[in-house]
Amino acid sequence: MISHDFLEVPGIRYWHLSGEVDLDESIEAFVAVRAAGGLAADMTRPVVFDMRETDMARFTGEDMRRYSARLKALGFGETGSLAAYVVSNDTNFGMMRMSATYFELSGVRKQENTIVTLDISEAAEWVIARAGIAIEHQDAVRRFLLRVPGEESCETT
């Protein structure tokens, strides 16, 4: 399952992935959010992928190479955009680091604009620092990213 949420000010995108995630399903979700328009559709905005409830081990390097090429072909190449991937174990960590290499090689995102971590707090602080989030918005970003996935928040759209 894939869900999307957006903190309008300062413009942070959040994707929660759980269970068996299909790569085609994720692309369809990205396309749907982009097609809906508005600020959430801006793929240059910082993004956090919360992948702590899914297992990436079933995918191969070739799967991720094709996936990154497909993202690029669909216009999701925002090499300057920031992305944080939060995973649950070392296997998923390795898969997402390898994926980051494919993302850079295909022109989707530079590795220097990517973090893979086991800690959602680290991801939140990295996004805040790298995106230059204003001090008055930093606590809202922390609350938004550290909440329980699926929990309603009055600050999201």
C-alpha atoms as a PDB file:
ATOM      1  CA  MET A   1       0.000   0.000   0.000  1.00  0.00           C
ATOM      2  CA  ILE A   2       1.183   3.481  -0.824  1.00  0.00           C
ATOM      3  CA  SER A   3      -0.176   6.710   0.628  1.00  0.00           C
ATOM      4  CA  HIS A   4       0.845  10.315   0.119  1.00  0.00           C
ATOM      5  CA  ASP A   5       0.624  13.317   2.376  1.00  0.00           C
ATOM      6  CA  PHE A   6       1.838  16.889   1.988  1.00  0.00           C
ATOM      7  CA  LEU A   7       2.749  19.596   4.461  1.00  0.00           C
ATOM      8  CA  GLU A   8       1.876  22.712   2.497  1.00  0.00           C
ATOM      9  CA  VAL A   9       4.088  25.089   4.475  1.00  0.00           C
ATOM     10  CA  PRO A  10       6.999  24.638   3.914  1.00  0.00           C
ATOM     11  CA  GLY A  11       6.173  22.087   1.196  1.00  0.00           C
ATOM     12  CA  ILE A  12       7.317  18.624   2.293  1.00  0.00           C
ATOM     13  CA  ARG A  13       6.040  15.527   0.519  1.00  0.00           C
ATOM     14  CA  TYR A  14       5.639  12.282   2.508  1.00  0.00           C
ATOM     15  CA  TRP A  15       5.091   8.817   1.065  1.00  0.00           C
ATOM     16  CA  HIS A  16       4.265   5.878   3.325  1.00  0.00           C
ATOM     17  CA  LEU A  17       4.843   2.427   1.859  1.00  0.00           C
ATOM     18  CA  SER A  18       3.623  -0.697   3.619  1.00  0.00           C
ATOM     19  CA  GLY A  19       3.090  -4.354   2.865  1.00  0.00           C
ATOM     20  CA  GLU A  20       4.033  -5.700  -0.551  1.00  0.00           C
ATOM     21  CA  VAL A  21       4.667  -2.667  -2.692  1.00  0.00           C
ATOM     22  CA  ASP A  22       4.698  -3.044  -6.441  1.00  0.00           C
ATOM     23  CA  LEU A  23       7.010  -0.766  -8.416  1.00  0.00           C
ATOM     24  CA  ASP A  24       4.308  -0.113 -11.026  1.00  0.00           C
ATOM     25  CA  GLU A  25       1.913   0.823  -8.217  1.00  0.00           C
ATOM     26  CA  SER A  26       4.385   3.393  -6.921  1.00  0.00           C
ATOM     27  CA  ILE A  27       4.762   4.965 -10.362  1.00  0.00           C
ATOM     28  CA  GLU A  28       0.980   5.138 -10.734  1.00  0.00           C
ATOM     29  CA  ALA A  29       0.775   6.901  -7.353  1.00  0.00           C
ATOM     30  CA  PHE A  30       3.442   9.441  -8.345  1.00  0.00           C
ATOM     31  CA  VAL A  31       1.682  10.118 -11.647  1.00  0.00           C
ATOM     32  CA  ALA A  32      -1.687  10.570  -9.872  1.00  0.00           C
ATOM     33  CA  VAL A  33      -0.285  13.097  -7.384  1.00  0.00           C
ATOM     34  CA  ARG A  34       1.462  15.002 -10.153  1.00  0.00           C
ATOM     35  CA  ALA A  35      -1.710  15.008 -12.291  1.00  0.00           C
ATOM     36  CA  ALA A  36      -3.794  16.371  -9.395  1.00  0.00           C
ATOM     37  CA  GLY A  37      -1.816  19.605  -9.580  1.00  0.00           C
ATOM     38  CA  GLY A  38      -1.231  22.091  -6.810  1.00  0.00           C
ATOM     39  CA  LEU A  39       1.827  22.427  -4.612  1.00  0.00           C
ATOM     40  CA  ALA A  40       1.924  18.693  -3.793  1.00  0.00           C
ATOM     41  CA  ALA A  41       2.455  17.958  -7.484  1.00  0.00           C
ATOM     42  CA  ASP A  42       5.719  19.907  -7.508  1.00  0.00           C
ATOM     43  CA  MET A  43       8.311  17.141  -7.743  1.00  0.00           C
ATOM     44  CA  THR A  44      11.116  19.546  -6.839  1.00  0.00           C
ATOM     45  CA  ARG A  45       9.826  19.700  -3.249  1.00  0.00           C
ATOM     46  CA  PRO A  46      11.689  17.691  -0.576  1.00  0.00           C
ATOM     47  CA  VAL A  47      10.308  14.193  -0.079  1.00  0.00           C
ATOM     48  CA  VAL A  48      10.467  11.556   2.649  1.00  0.00           C
ATOM     49  CA  PHE A  49       9.761   7.947   1.725  1.00  0.00           C
ATOM     50  CA  ASP A  50       8.793   6.060   4.882  1.00  0.00           C
ATOM     51  CA  MET A  51       9.547   2.477   3.912  1.00  0.00           C
ATOM     52  CA  ARG A  52       9.813   0.976   7.396  1.00  0.00           C
ATOM     53  CA  GLU A  53       6.779  -1.261   6.811  1.00  0.00           C
ATOM     54  CA  THR A  54       7.788  -2.758   3.473  1.00  0.00           C
ATOM     55  CA  ASP A  55      10.499  -5.121   2.318  1.00  0.00           C
ATOM     56  CA  MET A  56      12.577  -4.205  -0.709  1.00  0.00           C
ATOM     57  CA  ALA A  57      14.617  -7.445  -0.648  1.00  0.00           C
ATOM     58  CA  ARG A  58      12.504  -9.106  -3.332  1.00  0.00           C
ATOM     59  CA  PHE A  59      13.636  -6.567  -5.928  1.00  0.00           C
ATOM     60  CA  THR A  60      16.837  -7.016  -7.909  1.00  0.00           C
ATOM     61  CA  GLY A  61      19.323  -4.452  -9.072  1.00  0.00           C
ATOM     62  CA  GLU A  62      17.926  -4.893 -12.577  1.00  0.00           C
ATOM     63  CA  ASP A  63      14.403  -4.148 -11.258  1.00  0.00           C
ATOM     64  CA  MET A  64      15.661  -0.902  -9.749  1.00  0.00           C
ATOM     65  CA  ARG A  65      17.616   0.022 -12.894  1.00  0.00           C
ATOM     66  CA  ARG A  66      14.469  -0.377 -15.012  1.00  0.00           C
ATOM     67  CA  TYR A  67      12.415   1.478 -12.391  1.00  0.00           C
ATOM     68  CA  SER A  68      14.750   4.480 -12.393  1.00  0.00           C
ATOM     69  CA  ALA A  69      14.809   4.577 -16.207  1.00  0.00           C
ATOM     70  CA  ARG A  70      11.020   4.515 -16.230  1.00  0.00           C
ATOM     71  CA  LEU A  71      10.809   7.357 -13.702  1.00  0.00           C
ATOM     72  CA  LYS A  72      13.123   9.439 -15.876  1.00  0.00           C
ATOM     73  CA  ALA A  73      11.122   8.649 -19.031  1.00  0.00           C
ATOM     74  CA  LEU A  74       7.953   9.827 -17.270  1.00  0.00           C
ATOM     75  CA  GLY A  75       9.549  13.157 -16.385  1.00  0.00           C
ATOM     76  CA  PHE A  76      10.410  12.501 -12.755  1.00  0.00           C
ATOM     77  CA  GLY A  77      14.035  13.540 -13.210  1.00  0.00           C
ATOM     78  CA  GLU A  78      14.568  16.244 -10.607  1.00  0.00           C
ATOM     79  CA  THR A  79      18.266  15.850  -9.876  1.00  0.00           C
ATOM     80  CA  GLY A  80      18.274  18.820  -7.508  1.00  0.00           C
ATOM     81  CA  SER A  81      15.387  17.595  -5.382  1.00  0.00           C
ATOM     82  CA  LEU A  82      15.970  16.171  -1.902  1.00  0.00           C
ATOM     83  CA  ALA A  83      14.857  12.669  -0.920  1.00  0.00           C
ATOM     84  CA  ALA A  84      15.092  10.817   2.382  1.00  0.00           C
ATOM     85  CA  TYR A  85      14.422   7.065   2.451  1.00  0.00           C
ATOM     86  CA  VAL A  86      13.654   5.601   5.864  1.00  0.00           C
ATOM     87  CA  VAL A  87      13.999   1.817   5.952  1.00  0.00           C
ATOM     88  CA  SER A  88      13.680  -0.888   8.588  1.00  0.00           C
ATOM     89  CA  ASN A  89      16.798  -3.035   8.219  1.00  0.00           C
ATOM     90  CA  ASP A  90      20.233  -3.391   6.644  1.00  0.00           C
ATOM     91  CA  THR A  91      18.963  -5.327   3.609  1.00  0.00           C
ATOM     92  CA  ASN A  92      16.518  -2.554   2.712  1.00  0.00           C
ATOM     93  CA  PHE A  93      19.227   0.008   3.440  1.00  0.00           C
ATOM     94  CA  GLY A  94      21.509  -1.653   0.900  1.00  0.00           C
ATOM     95  CA  MET A  95      18.764  -1.915  -1.707  1.00  0.00           C
ATOM     96  CA  MET A  96      17.893   1.768  -1.407  1.00  0.00           C
ATOM     97  CA  ARG A  97      21.568   2.837  -1.539  1.00  0.00           C
ATOM     98  CA  MET A  98      21.945   0.788  -4.720  1.00  0.00           C
ATOM     99  CA  SER A  99      18.737   2.353  -6.039  1.00  0.00           C
ATOM    100  CA  ALA A 100      20.160   5.806  -5.331  1.00  0.00           C
ATOM    101  CA  THR A 101      23.042   4.926  -7.639  1.00  0.00           C
ATOM    102  CA  TYR A 102      20.629   3.939 -10.399  1.00  0.00           C
ATOM    103  CA  PHE A 103      18.612   7.123  -9.786  1.00  0.00           C
ATOM    104  CA  GLU A 104      21.744   9.192 -10.321  1.00  0.00           C
ATOM    105  CA  LEU A 105      22.894   7.241 -13.375  1.00  0.00           C
ATOM    106  CA  SER A 106      19.480   7.664 -14.993  1.00  0.00           C
ATOM    107  CA  GLY A 107      19.236  11.369 -14.103  1.00  0.00           C
ATOM    108  CA  VAL A 108      16.416  11.084 -11.572  1.00  0.00           C
ATOM    109  CA  ARG A 109      18.241  12.405  -8.491  1.00  0.00           C
ATOM    110  CA  LYS A 110      21.828  13.066  -7.449  1.00  0.00           C
ATOM    111  CA  GLN A 111      23.153  10.874  -4.645  1.00  0.00           C
ATOM    112  CA  GLU A 112      24.319  13.952  -2.764  1.00  0.00           C
ATOM    113  CA  ASN A 113      20.643  14.934  -2.484  1.00  0.00           C
ATOM    114  CA  THR A 114      19.664  11.547  -1.052  1.00  0.00           C
ATOM    115  CA  ILE A 115      19.853  10.031   2.401  1.00  0.00           C
ATOM    116  CA  VAL A 116      18.997   6.473   3.347  1.00  0.00           C
ATOM    117  CA  THR A 117      18.550   5.921   7.057  1.00  0.00           C
ATOM    118  CA  LEU A 118      17.011   3.612   9.634  1.00  0.00           C
ATOM    119  CA  ASP A 119      15.902   6.608  11.726  1.00  0.00           C
ATOM    120  CA  ILE A 120      12.933   8.847  10.842  1.00  0.00           C
ATOM    121  CA  SER A 121      14.277  11.555  13.191  1.00  0.00           C
ATOM    122  CA  GLU A 122      17.547  11.634  11.268  1.00  0.00           C
ATOM    123  CA  ALA A 123      15.584  11.953   8.012  1.00  0.00           C
ATOM    124  CA  ALA A 124      13.548  14.843   9.438  1.00  0.00           C
ATOM    125  CA  GLU A 125      16.639  16.727  10.612  1.00  0.00           C
ATOM    126  CA  TRP A 126      18.423  16.111   7.300  1.00  0.00           C
ATOM    127  CA  VAL A 127      15.466  17.466   5.294  1.00  0.00           C
ATOM    128  CA  ILE A 128      15.161  20.488   7.594  1.00  0.00           C
ATOM    129  CA  ALA A 129      18.873  21.295   7.248  1.00  0.00           C
ATOM    130  CA  ARG A 130      19.290  20.526   3.535  1.00  0.00           C
ATOM    131  CA  ALA A 131      16.057  22.249   2.454  1.00  0.00           C
ATOM    132  CA  GLY A 132      16.816  25.301   4.586  1.00  0.00           C
ATOM    133  CA  ILE A 133      13.470  25.130   6.404  1.00  0.00           C
ATOM    134  CA  ALA A 134      12.834  28.372   8.303  1.00  0.00           C
ATOM    135  CA  ILE A 135      13.062  28.099  12.086  1.00  0.00           C
ATOM    136  CA  GLU A 136       9.376  28.910  12.507  1.00  0.00           C
ATOM    137  CA  HIS A 137       8.412  25.861  10.403  1.00  0.00           C
ATOM    138  CA  GLN A 138      10.882  23.299  11.729  1.00  0.00           C
ATOM    139  CA  ASP A 139       8.706  21.987  14.578  1.00  0.00           C
ATOM    140  CA  ALA A 140       5.770  21.521  12.201  1.00  0.00           C
ATOM    141  CA  VAL A 141       8.004  19.480   9.882  1.00  0.00           C
ATOM    142  CA  ARG A 142       9.167  17.311  12.804  1.00  0.00           C
ATOM    143  CA  ARG A 143       5.584  16.693  13.985  1.00  0.00           C
ATOM    144  CA  PHE A 144       4.494  15.924  10.424  1.00  0.00           C
ATOM    145  CA  LEU A 145       7.263  13.401   9.769  1.00  0.00           C
ATOM    146  CA  LEU A 146       7.402  11.807  13.223  1.00  0.00           C
ATOM    147  CA  ARG A 147       3.677  11.125  13.560  1.00  0.00           C
ATOM    148  CA  VAL A 148       2.306   7.633  13.254  1.00  0.00           C
ATOM    149  CA  PRO A 149       1.720   6.798   9.556  1.00  0.00           C
ATOM    150  CA  GLY A 150      -1.936   7.214   8.677  1.00  0.00           C
ATOM    151  CA  GLU A 151      -2.567   9.503  11.634  1.00  0.00           C
ATOM    152  CA  GLU A 152      -4.648  12.517  10.717  1.00  0.00           C
ATOM    153  CA  SER A 153      -2.957  15.879  10.921  1.00  0.00           C
ATOM    154  CA  CYS A 154      -4.634  19.255  10.591  1.00  0.00           C
ATOM    155  CA  GLU A 155      -1.465  20.577   8.968  1.00  0.00           C
ATOM    156  CA  THR A 156      -1.563  18.386   5.880  1.00  0.00           C
ATOM    157  CA  THR A 157      -3.390  18.738   2.609  1.00  0.00           C
END
